[in-house]
Amino acid sequence: MKVHFGMFAVHPRSQGRGLGHWLIHAERRANERFGASAIRLLVIRQRVEFIAWYERRGYRKTGEYLAFPYGDERFGIPRRDDLEFLVLEKPL
């Protein structure tokens, strides 16, 4: 079973302060509680610094891209019209 880690954001002033350990905790819980064999998440393709951060933690690009949900303000109000999500996955 694969689990999907939903949308989240860290305020820029809080980045780099060790909040990433919560991601590791979520991965561990997904495996222990649900028997997940992998975890998937979406990253905006244009945010290469975030993709690199996840890759350093064992996530790999799947080659799958999903359209950005323009018009759904739960995902924010985009400032550009070329956004799309890259799917990353990590075996647990």
PDB file of N, CA and C in Angstrom:
ATOM      1  N   MET A   1       0.836  -1.170   0.000  1.00  0.00           N
ATOM      2  CA  MET A   1       0.000   0.000   0.000  1.00  0.00           C
ATOM      3  C   MET A   1       0.888   1.242   0.000  1.00  0.00           C
ATOM      4  N   LYS A   2       0.468   2.214  -0.809  1.00  0.00           N
ATOM      5  CA  LYS A   2       1.141   3.506  -0.844  1.00  0.00           C
ATOM      6  C   LYS A   2       0.241   4.523  -0.166  1.00  0.00           C
ATOM      7  N   VAL A   3       0.841   5.457   0.550  1.00  0.00           N
ATOM      8  CA  VAL A   3       0.071   6.545   1.149  1.00  0.00           C
ATOM      9  C   VAL A   3       0.478   7.848   0.482  1.00  0.00           C
ATOM     10  N   HIS A   4      -0.442   8.799   0.514  1.00  0.00           N
ATOM     11  CA  HIS A   4      -0.173  10.120  -0.054  1.00  0.00           C
ATOM     12  C   HIS A   4      -0.072  11.105   1.088  1.00  0.00           C
ATOM     13  N   PHE A   5       1.007  11.851   1.120  1.00  0.00           N
ATOM     14  CA  PHE A   5       1.191  12.885   2.128  1.00  0.00           C
ATOM     15  C   PHE A   5       0.641  14.172   1.549  1.00  0.00           C
ATOM     16  N   GLY A   6      -0.394  14.723   2.177  1.00  0.00           N
ATOM     17  CA  GLY A   6      -1.142  15.848   1.632  1.00  0.00           C
ATOM     18  C   GLY A   6      -0.385  17.159   1.611  1.00  0.00           C
ATOM     19  N   MET A   7      -1.064  18.149   1.083  1.00  0.00           N
ATOM     20  CA  MET A   7      -0.487  19.477   0.916  1.00  0.00           C
ATOM     21  C   MET A   7      -0.170  20.104   2.272  1.00  0.00           C
ATOM     22  N   PHE A   8       0.994  20.670   2.355  1.00  0.00           N
ATOM     23  CA  PHE A   8       1.389  21.399   3.543  1.00  0.00           C
ATOM     24  C   PHE A   8       2.405  22.447   3.135  1.00  0.00           C
ATOM     25  N   ALA A   9       2.620  23.389   4.000  1.00  0.00           N
ATOM     26  CA  ALA A   9       3.581  24.449   3.727  1.00  0.00           C
ATOM     27  C   ALA A   9       4.229  24.878   5.033  1.00  0.00           C
ATOM     28  N   VAL A  10       5.434  25.347   4.930  1.00  0.00           N
ATOM     29  CA  VAL A  10       6.151  25.894   6.074  1.00  0.00           C
ATOM     30  C   VAL A  10       6.452  27.357   5.747  1.00  0.00           C
ATOM     31  N   HIS A  11       6.087  28.216   6.648  1.00  0.00           N
ATOM     32  CA  HIS A  11       6.330  29.643   6.447  1.00  0.00           C
ATOM     33  C   HIS A  11       7.826  29.858   6.194  1.00  0.00           C
ATOM     34  N   PRO A  12       8.193  30.703   5.245  1.00  0.00           N
ATOM     35  CA  PRO A  12       9.612  30.905   4.926  1.00  0.00           C
ATOM     36  C   PRO A  12      10.492  31.221   6.135  1.00  0.00           C
ATOM     37  N   ARG A  13       9.989  31.959   7.104  1.00  0.00           N
ATOM     38  CA  ARG A  13      10.815  32.279   8.285  1.00  0.00           C
ATOM     39  C   ARG A  13      11.028  31.068   9.181  1.00  0.00           C
ATOM     40  N   SER A  14      10.203  30.042   9.009  1.00  0.00           N
ATOM     41  CA  SER A  14      10.342  28.840   9.829  1.00  0.00           C
ATOM     42  C   SER A  14      11.135  27.744   9.135  1.00  0.00           C
ATOM     43  N   GLN A  15      11.426  27.921   7.857  1.00  0.00           N
ATOM     44  CA  GLN A  15      12.184  26.911   7.123  1.00  0.00           C
ATOM     45  C   GLN A  15      13.615  26.868   7.657  1.00  0.00           C
ATOM     46  N   GLY A  16      14.173  25.673   7.659  1.00  0.00           N
ATOM     47  CA  GLY A  16      15.541  25.503   8.124  1.00  0.00           C
ATOM     48  C   GLY A  16      15.654  25.427   9.642  1.00  0.00           C
ATOM     49  N   ARG A  17      14.539  25.219  10.322  1.00  0.00           N
ATOM     50  CA  ARG A  17      14.556  25.151  11.788  1.00  0.00           C
ATOM     51  C   ARG A  17      14.207  23.765  12.324  1.00  0.00           C
ATOM     52  N   GLY A  18      14.391  22.741  11.520  1.00  0.00           N
ATOM     53  CA  GLY A  18      14.193  21.378  11.996  1.00  0.00           C
ATOM     54  C   GLY A  18      12.777  20.844  11.916  1.00  0.00           C
ATOM     55  N   LEU A  19      11.880  21.529  11.228  1.00  0.00           N
ATOM     56  CA  LEU A  19      10.515  21.037  11.133  1.00  0.00           C
ATOM     57  C   LEU A  19      10.406  19.795  10.249  1.00  0.00           C
ATOM     58  N   GLY A  20      11.424  19.532   9.465  1.00  0.00           N
ATOM     59  CA  GLY A  20      11.417  18.358   8.594  1.00  0.00           C
ATOM     60  C   GLY A  20      11.331  17.052   9.357  1.00  0.00           C
ATOM     61  N   HIS A  21      11.677  17.071  10.652  1.00  0.00           N
ATOM     62  CA  HIS A  21      11.587  15.825  11.419  1.00  0.00           C
ATOM     63  C   HIS A  21      10.151  15.329  11.501  1.00  0.00           C
ATOM     64  N   TRP A  22       9.181  16.228  11.334  1.00  0.00           N
ATOM     65  CA  TRP A  22       7.777  15.798  11.336  1.00  0.00           C
ATOM     66  C   TRP A  22       7.466  14.960  10.103  1.00  0.00           C
ATOM     67  N   LEU A  23       8.141  15.230   9.007  1.00  0.00           N
ATOM     68  CA  LEU A  23       7.964  14.412   7.814  1.00  0.00           C
ATOM     69  C   LEU A  23       8.457  12.992   8.086  1.00  0.00           C
ATOM     70  N   ILE A  24       9.606  12.882   8.717  1.00  0.00           N
ATOM     71  CA  ILE A  24      10.153  11.564   9.048  1.00  0.00           C
ATOM     72  C   ILE A  24       9.191  10.823   9.982  1.00  0.00           C
ATOM     73  N   HIS A  25       8.623  11.539  10.936  1.00  0.00           N
ATOM     74  CA  HIS A  25       7.647  10.941  11.854  1.00  0.00           C
ATOM     75  C   HIS A  25       6.424  10.450  11.074  1.00  0.00           C
ATOM     76  N   ALA A  26       5.938  11.238  10.137  1.00  0.00           N
ATOM     77  CA  ALA A  26       4.768  10.844   9.342  1.00  0.00           C
ATOM     78  C   ALA A  26       5.073   9.600   8.507  1.00  0.00           C
ATOM     79  N   GLU A  27       6.271   9.531   7.964  1.00  0.00           N
ATOM     80  CA  GLU A  27       6.659   8.347   7.188  1.00  0.00           C
ATOM     81  C   GLU A  27       6.649   7.105   8.079  1.00  0.00           C
ATOM     82  N   ARG A  28       7.230   7.221   9.242  1.00  0.00           N
ATOM     83  CA  ARG A  28       7.301   6.091  10.169  1.00  0.00           C
ATOM     84  C   ARG A  28       5.893   5.640  10.576  1.00  0.00           C
ATOM     85  N   ARG A  29       5.025   6.605  10.882  1.00  0.00           N
ATOM     86  CA  ARG A  29       3.651   6.271  11.283  1.00  0.00           C
ATOM     87  C   ARG A  29       2.882   5.610  10.135  1.00  0.00           C
ATOM     88  N   ALA A  30       3.081   6.086   8.928  1.00  0.00           N
ATOM     89  CA  ALA A  30       2.393   5.489   7.776  1.00  0.00           C
ATOM     90  C   ALA A  30       2.774   4.027   7.627  1.00  0.00           C
ATOM     91  N   ASN A  31       4.034   3.735   7.861  1.00  0.00           N
ATOM     92  CA  ASN A  31       4.498   2.357   7.760  1.00  0.00           C
ATOM     93  C   ASN A  31       3.992   1.515   8.926  1.00  0.00           C
ATOM     94  N   GLU A  32       4.147   2.011  10.137  1.00  0.00           N
ATOM     95  CA  GLU A  32       3.753   1.241  11.318  1.00  0.00           C
ATOM     96  C   GLU A  32       2.242   1.060  11.420  1.00  0.00           C
ATOM     97  N   ARG A  33       1.500   2.127  11.226  1.00  0.00           N
ATOM     98  CA  ARG A  33       0.047   2.083  11.456  1.00  0.00           C
ATOM     99  C   ARG A  33      -0.736   1.498  10.287  1.00  0.00           C
ATOM    100  N   PHE A  34      -0.306   1.814   9.069  1.00  0.00           N
ATOM    101  CA  PHE A  34      -1.075   1.392   7.895  1.00  0.00           C
ATOM    102  C   PHE A  34      -0.369   0.335   7.049  1.00  0.00           C
ATOM    103  N   GLY A  35       0.851  -0.006   7.414  1.00  0.00           N
ATOM    104  CA  GLY A  35       1.592  -0.985   6.624  1.00  0.00           C
ATOM    105  C   GLY A  35       1.990  -0.468   5.256  1.00  0.00           C
ATOM    106  N   ALA A  36       2.133   0.840   5.139  1.00  0.00           N
ATOM    107  CA  ALA A  36       2.471   1.454   3.850  1.00  0.00           C
ATOM    108  C   ALA A  36       3.865   1.020   3.411  1.00  0.00           C
ATOM    109  N   SER A  37       3.981   0.718   2.134  1.00  0.00           N
ATOM    110  CA  SER A  37       5.270   0.332   1.573  1.00  0.00           C
ATOM    111  C   SER A  37       5.973   1.506   0.911  1.00  0.00           C
ATOM    112  N   ALA A  38       5.213   2.583   0.653  1.00  0.00           N
ATOM    113  CA  ALA A  38       5.787   3.762   0.007  1.00  0.00           C
ATOM    114  C   ALA A  38       4.931   4.970   0.357  1.00  0.00           C
ATOM    115  N   ILE A  39       5.539   6.127   0.224  1.00  0.00           N
ATOM    116  CA  ILE A  39       4.818   7.374   0.447  1.00  0.00           C
ATOM    117  C   ILE A  39       5.017   8.249  -0.775  1.00  0.00           C
ATOM    118  N   ARG A  40       3.937   8.882  -1.218  1.00  0.00           N
ATOM    119  CA  ARG A  40       3.965   9.755  -2.389  1.00  0.00           C
ATOM    120  C   ARG A  40       3.602  11.164  -1.969  1.00  0.00           C
ATOM    121  N   LEU A  41       4.176  12.128  -2.643  1.00  0.00           N
ATOM    122  CA  LEU A  41       3.789  13.514  -2.420  1.00  0.00           C
ATOM    123  C   LEU A  41       3.968  14.307  -3.692  1.00  0.00           C
ATOM    124  N   LEU A  42       3.312  15.443  -3.714  1.00  0.00           N
ATOM    125  CA  LEU A  42       3.356  16.329  -4.875  1.00  0.00           C
ATOM    126  C   LEU A  42       4.153  17.574  -4.524  1.00  0.00           C
ATOM    127  N   VAL A  43       4.995  17.978  -5.443  1.00  0.00           N
ATOM    128  CA  VAL A  43       5.770  19.205  -5.281  1.00  0.00           C
ATOM    129  C   VAL A  43       5.597  20.014  -6.562  1.00  0.00           C
ATOM    130  N   ILE A  44       5.443  21.306  -6.422  1.00  0.00           N
ATOM    131  CA  ILE A  44       5.341  22.145  -7.613  1.00  0.00           C
ATOM    132  C   ILE A  44       6.648  22.019  -8.395  1.00  0.00           C
ATOM    133  N   ARG A  45       6.536  21.609  -9.637  1.00  0.00           N
ATOM    134  CA  ARG A  45       7.703  21.314 -10.482  1.00  0.00           C
ATOM    135  C   ARG A  45       8.706  22.454 -10.525  1.00  0.00           C
ATOM    136  N   GLN A  46       8.242  23.667 -10.487  1.00  0.00           N
ATOM    137  CA  GLN A  46       9.126  24.826 -10.603  1.00  0.00           C
ATOM    138  C   GLN A  46       9.915  25.098  -9.317  1.00  0.00           C
ATOM    139  N   ARG A  47       9.580  24.457  -8.217  1.00  0.00           N
ATOM    140  CA  ARG A  47      10.272  24.681  -6.948  1.00  0.00           C
ATOM    141  C   ARG A  47      11.410  23.680  -6.791  1.00  0.00           C
ATOM    142  N   VAL A  48      12.447  23.864  -7.576  1.00  0.00           N
ATOM    143  CA  VAL A  48      13.553  22.905  -7.623  1.00  0.00           C
ATOM    144  C   VAL A  48      14.257  22.758  -6.281  1.00  0.00           C
ATOM    145  N   GLU A  49      14.247  23.821  -5.463  1.00  0.00           N
ATOM    146  CA  GLU A  49      14.901  23.724  -4.150  1.00  0.00           C
ATOM    147  C   GLU A  49      14.134  22.759  -3.237  1.00  0.00           C
ATOM    148  N   PHE A  50      12.809  22.687  -3.372  1.00  0.00           N
ATOM    149  CA  PHE A  50      12.029  21.744  -2.582  1.00  0.00           C
ATOM    150  C   PHE A  50      12.240  20.322  -3.082  1.00  0.00           C
ATOM    151  N   ILE A  51      12.276  20.170  -4.384  1.00  0.00           N
ATOM    152  CA  ILE A  51      12.522  18.840  -4.960  1.00  0.00           C
ATOM    153  C   ILE A  51      13.863  18.320  -4.473  1.00  0.00           C
ATOM    154  N   ALA A  52      14.885  19.157  -4.488  1.00  0.00           N
ATOM    155  CA  ALA A  52      16.219  18.754  -4.008  1.00  0.00           C
ATOM    156  C   ALA A  52      16.174  18.371  -2.531  1.00  0.00           C
ATOM    157  N   TRP A  53      15.416  19.113  -1.722  1.00  0.00           N
ATOM    158  CA  TRP A  53      15.301  18.818  -0.287  1.00  0.00           C
ATOM    159  C   TRP A  53      14.728  17.419  -0.085  1.00  0.00           C
ATOM    160  N   TYR A  54      13.648  17.107  -0.811  1.00  0.00           N
ATOM    161  CA  TYR A  54      13.043  15.780  -0.689  1.00  0.00           C
ATOM    162  C   TYR A  54      13.969  14.686  -1.224  1.00  0.00           C
ATOM    163  N   GLU A  55      14.660  14.956  -2.304  1.00  0.00           N
ATOM    164  CA  GLU A  55      15.577  13.949  -2.850  1.00  0.00           C
ATOM    165  C   GLU A  55      16.679  13.629  -1.846  1.00  0.00           C
ATOM    166  N   ARG A  56      17.144  14.603  -1.113  1.00  0.00           N
ATOM    167  CA  ARG A  56      18.170  14.347  -0.085  1.00  0.00           C
ATOM    168  C   ARG A  56      17.624  13.456   1.029  1.00  0.00           C
ATOM    169  N   ARG A  57      16.322  13.362   1.136  1.00  0.00           N
ATOM    170  CA  ARG A  57      15.686  12.528   2.152  1.00  0.00           C
ATOM    171  C   ARG A  57      15.147  11.217   1.581  1.00  0.00           C
ATOM    172  N   GLY A  58      15.583  10.858   0.401  1.00  0.00           N
ATOM    173  CA  GLY A  58      15.255   9.552  -0.159  1.00  0.00           C
ATOM    174  C   GLY A  58      14.101   9.502  -1.144  1.00  0.00           C
ATOM    175  N   TYR A  59      13.457  10.633  -1.404  1.00  0.00           N
ATOM    176  CA  TYR A  59      12.379  10.665  -2.389  1.00  0.00           C
ATOM    177  C   TYR A  59      12.974  10.686  -3.789  1.00  0.00           C
ATOM    178  N   ARG A  60      12.253  10.074  -4.718  1.00  0.00           N
ATOM    179  CA  ARG A  60      12.703  10.040  -6.100  1.00  0.00           C
ATOM    180  C   ARG A  60      11.577  10.510  -7.018  1.00  0.00           C
ATOM    181  N   LYS A  61      11.969  11.125  -8.119  1.00  0.00           N
ATOM    182  CA  LYS A  61      11.001  11.559  -9.130  1.00  0.00           C
ATOM    183  C   LYS A  61      10.410  10.331  -9.804  1.00  0.00           C
ATOM    184  N   THR A  62       9.097  10.327  -9.960  1.00  0.00           N
ATOM    185  CA  THR A  62       8.439   9.198 -10.619  1.00  0.00           C
ATOM    186  C   THR A  62       8.313   9.418 -12.121  1.00  0.00           C
ATOM    187  N   GLY A  63       8.516  10.653 -12.574  1.00  0.00           N
ATOM    188  CA  GLY A  63       8.287  10.983 -13.969  1.00  0.00           C
ATOM    189  C   GLY A  63       6.841  11.349 -14.250  1.00  0.00           C
ATOM    190  N   GLU A  64       6.006  11.298 -13.225  1.00  0.00           N
ATOM    191  CA  GLU A  64       4.585  11.620 -13.364  1.00  0.00           C
ATOM    192  C   GLU A  64       4.366  13.089 -12.998  1.00  0.00           C
ATOM    193  N   TYR A  65       3.586  13.769 -13.808  1.00  0.00           N
ATOM    194  CA  TYR A  65       3.233  15.171 -13.570  1.00  0.00           C
ATOM    195  C   TYR A  65       1.713  15.291 -13.535  1.00  0.00           C
ATOM    196  N   LEU A  66       1.218  16.163 -12.673  1.00  0.00           N
ATOM    197  CA  LEU A  66      -0.215  16.410 -12.569  1.00  0.00           C
ATOM    198  C   LEU A  66      -0.483  17.896 -12.745  1.00  0.00           C
ATOM    199  N   ALA A  67      -1.612  18.193 -13.323  1.00  0.00           N
ATOM    200  CA  ALA A  67      -1.976  19.594 -13.558  1.00  0.00           C
ATOM    201  C   ALA A  67      -2.200  20.315 -12.233  1.00  0.00           C
ATOM    202  N   PHE A  68      -1.786  21.562 -12.172  1.00  0.00           N
ATOM    203  CA  PHE A  68      -2.062  22.391 -11.011  1.00  0.00           C
ATOM    204  C   PHE A  68      -3.550  22.743 -11.024  1.00  0.00           C
ATOM    205  N   PRO A  69      -4.220  22.657  -9.882  1.00  0.00           N
ATOM    206  CA  PRO A  69      -5.668  22.904  -9.854  1.00  0.00           C
ATOM    207  C   PRO A  69      -6.012  24.395  -9.817  1.00  0.00           C
ATOM    208  N   TYR A  70      -5.815  25.040 -10.937  1.00  0.00           N
ATOM    209  CA  TYR A  70      -6.173  26.462 -11.028  1.00  0.00           C
ATOM    210  C   TYR A  70      -7.642  26.635 -10.691  1.00  0.00           C
ATOM    211  N   GLY A  71      -7.960  27.684  -9.954  1.00  0.00           N
ATOM    212  CA  GLY A  71      -9.331  27.956  -9.570  1.00  0.00           C
ATOM    213  C   GLY A  71      -9.726  27.357  -8.228  1.00  0.00           C
ATOM    214  N   ASP A  72      -8.900  26.476  -7.668  1.00  0.00           N
ATOM    215  CA  ASP A  72      -9.164  25.879  -6.354  1.00  0.00           C
ATOM    216  C   ASP A  72      -8.253  26.575  -5.347  1.00  0.00           C
ATOM    217  N   GLU A  73      -8.794  27.537  -4.629  1.00  0.00           N
ATOM    218  CA  GLU A  73      -7.974  28.364  -3.747  1.00  0.00           C
ATOM    219  C   GLU A  73      -7.417  27.618  -2.541  1.00  0.00           C
ATOM    220  N   ARG A  74      -7.806  26.353  -2.338  1.00  0.00           N
ATOM    221  CA  ARG A  74      -7.169  25.555  -1.283  1.00  0.00           C
ATOM    222  C   ARG A  74      -5.684  25.367  -1.580  1.00  0.00           C
ATOM    223  N   PHE A  75      -5.311  25.499  -2.836  1.00  0.00           N
ATOM    224  CA  PHE A  75      -3.924  25.334  -3.247  1.00  0.00           C
ATOM    225  C   PHE A  75      -3.224  26.677  -3.412  1.00  0.00           C
ATOM    226  N   GLY A  76      -3.857  27.732  -2.973  1.00  0.00           N
ATOM    227  CA  GLY A  76      -3.282  29.059  -3.077  1.00  0.00           C
ATOM    228  C   GLY A  76      -3.745  29.755  -4.353  1.00  0.00           C
ATOM    229  N   ILE A  77      -3.376  31.000  -4.442  1.00  0.00           N
ATOM    230  CA  ILE A  77      -3.702  31.789  -5.623  1.00  0.00           C
ATOM    231  C   ILE A  77      -2.415  31.931  -6.428  1.00  0.00           C
ATOM    232  N   PRO A  78      -2.307  31.213  -7.534  1.00  0.00           N
ATOM    233  CA  PRO A  78      -1.059  31.210  -8.300  1.00  0.00           C
ATOM    234  C   PRO A  78      -0.759  32.570  -8.927  1.00  0.00           C
ATOM    235  N   ARG A  79       0.523  32.854  -9.023  1.00  0.00           N
ATOM    236  CA  ARG A  79       0.979  34.101  -9.642  1.00  0.00           C
ATOM    237  C   ARG A  79       1.495  33.879 -11.050  1.00  0.00           C
ATOM    238  N   ARG A  80       1.403  32.649 -11.515  1.00  0.00           N
ATOM    239  CA  ARG A  80       1.841  32.325 -12.876  1.00  0.00           C
ATOM    240  C   ARG A  80       0.957  31.234 -13.436  1.00  0.00           C
ATOM    241  N   ASP A  81       1.000  31.059 -14.739  1.00  0.00           N
ATOM    242  CA  ASP A  81       0.059  30.133 -15.380  1.00  0.00           C
ATOM    243  C   ASP A  81       0.709  28.858 -15.919  1.00  0.00           C
ATOM    244  N   ASP A  82       1.936  28.558 -15.486  1.00  0.00           N
ATOM    245  CA  ASP A  82       2.616  27.374 -16.003  1.00  0.00           C
ATOM    246  C   ASP A  82       2.925  26.342 -14.916  1.00  0.00           C
ATOM    247  N   LEU A  83       2.212  26.382 -13.797  1.00  0.00           N
ATOM    248  CA  LEU A  83       2.496  25.478 -12.691  1.00  0.00           C
ATOM    249  C   LEU A  83       1.971  24.069 -12.967  1.00  0.00           C
ATOM    250  N   GLU A  84       2.703  23.101 -12.444  1.00  0.00           N
ATOM    251  CA  GLU A  84       2.248  21.717 -12.433  1.00  0.00           C
ATOM    252  C   GLU A  84       2.956  21.005 -11.295  1.00  0.00           C
ATOM    253  N   PHE A  85       2.388  19.876 -10.888  1.00  0.00           N
ATOM    254  CA  PHE A  85       2.966  19.104  -9.803  1.00  0.00           C
ATOM    255  C   PHE A  85       3.834  17.983 -10.352  1.00  0.00           C
ATOM    256  N   LEU A  86       4.938  17.744  -9.673  1.00  0.00           N
ATOM    257  CA  LEU A  86       5.783  16.575  -9.908  1.00  0.00           C
ATOM    258  C   LEU A  86       5.491  15.598  -8.787  1.00  0.00           C
ATOM    259  N   VAL A  87       5.300  14.319  -9.112  1.00  0.00           N
ATOM    260  CA  VAL A  87       5.043  13.295  -8.107  1.00  0.00           C
ATOM    261  C   VAL A  87       6.379  12.713  -7.676  1.00  0.00           C
ATOM    262  N   LEU A  88       6.607  12.719  -6.354  1.00  0.00           N
ATOM    263  CA  LEU A  88       7.789  12.102  -5.767  1.00  0.00           C
ATOM    264  C   LEU A  88       7.333  10.909  -4.937  1.00  0.00           C
ATOM    265  N   GLU A  89       8.208   9.919  -4.817  1.00  0.00           N
ATOM    266  CA  GLU A  89       7.861   8.730  -4.054  1.00  0.00           C
ATOM    267  C   GLU A  89       9.093   8.220  -3.312  1.00  0.00           C
ATOM    268  N   LYS A  90       8.826   7.666  -2.137  1.00  0.00           N
ATOM    269  CA  LYS A  90       9.908   7.095  -1.314  1.00  0.00           C
ATOM    270  C   LYS A  90       9.444   5.741  -0.787  1.00  0.00           C
ATOM    271  N   PRO A  91      10.250   4.707  -0.986  1.00  0.00           N
ATOM    272  CA  PRO A  91       9.901   3.415  -0.385  1.00  0.00           C
ATOM    273  C   PRO A  91      10.103   3.501   1.130  1.00  0.00           C
ATOM    274  N   LEU A  92       9.223   2.824   1.858  1.00  0.00           N
ATOM    275  CA  LEU A  92       9.331   2.816   3.329  1.00  0.00           C
ATOM    276  C   LEU A  92       9.810   1.465   3.807  1.00  0.00           C
TER     277      LEU A  92
END
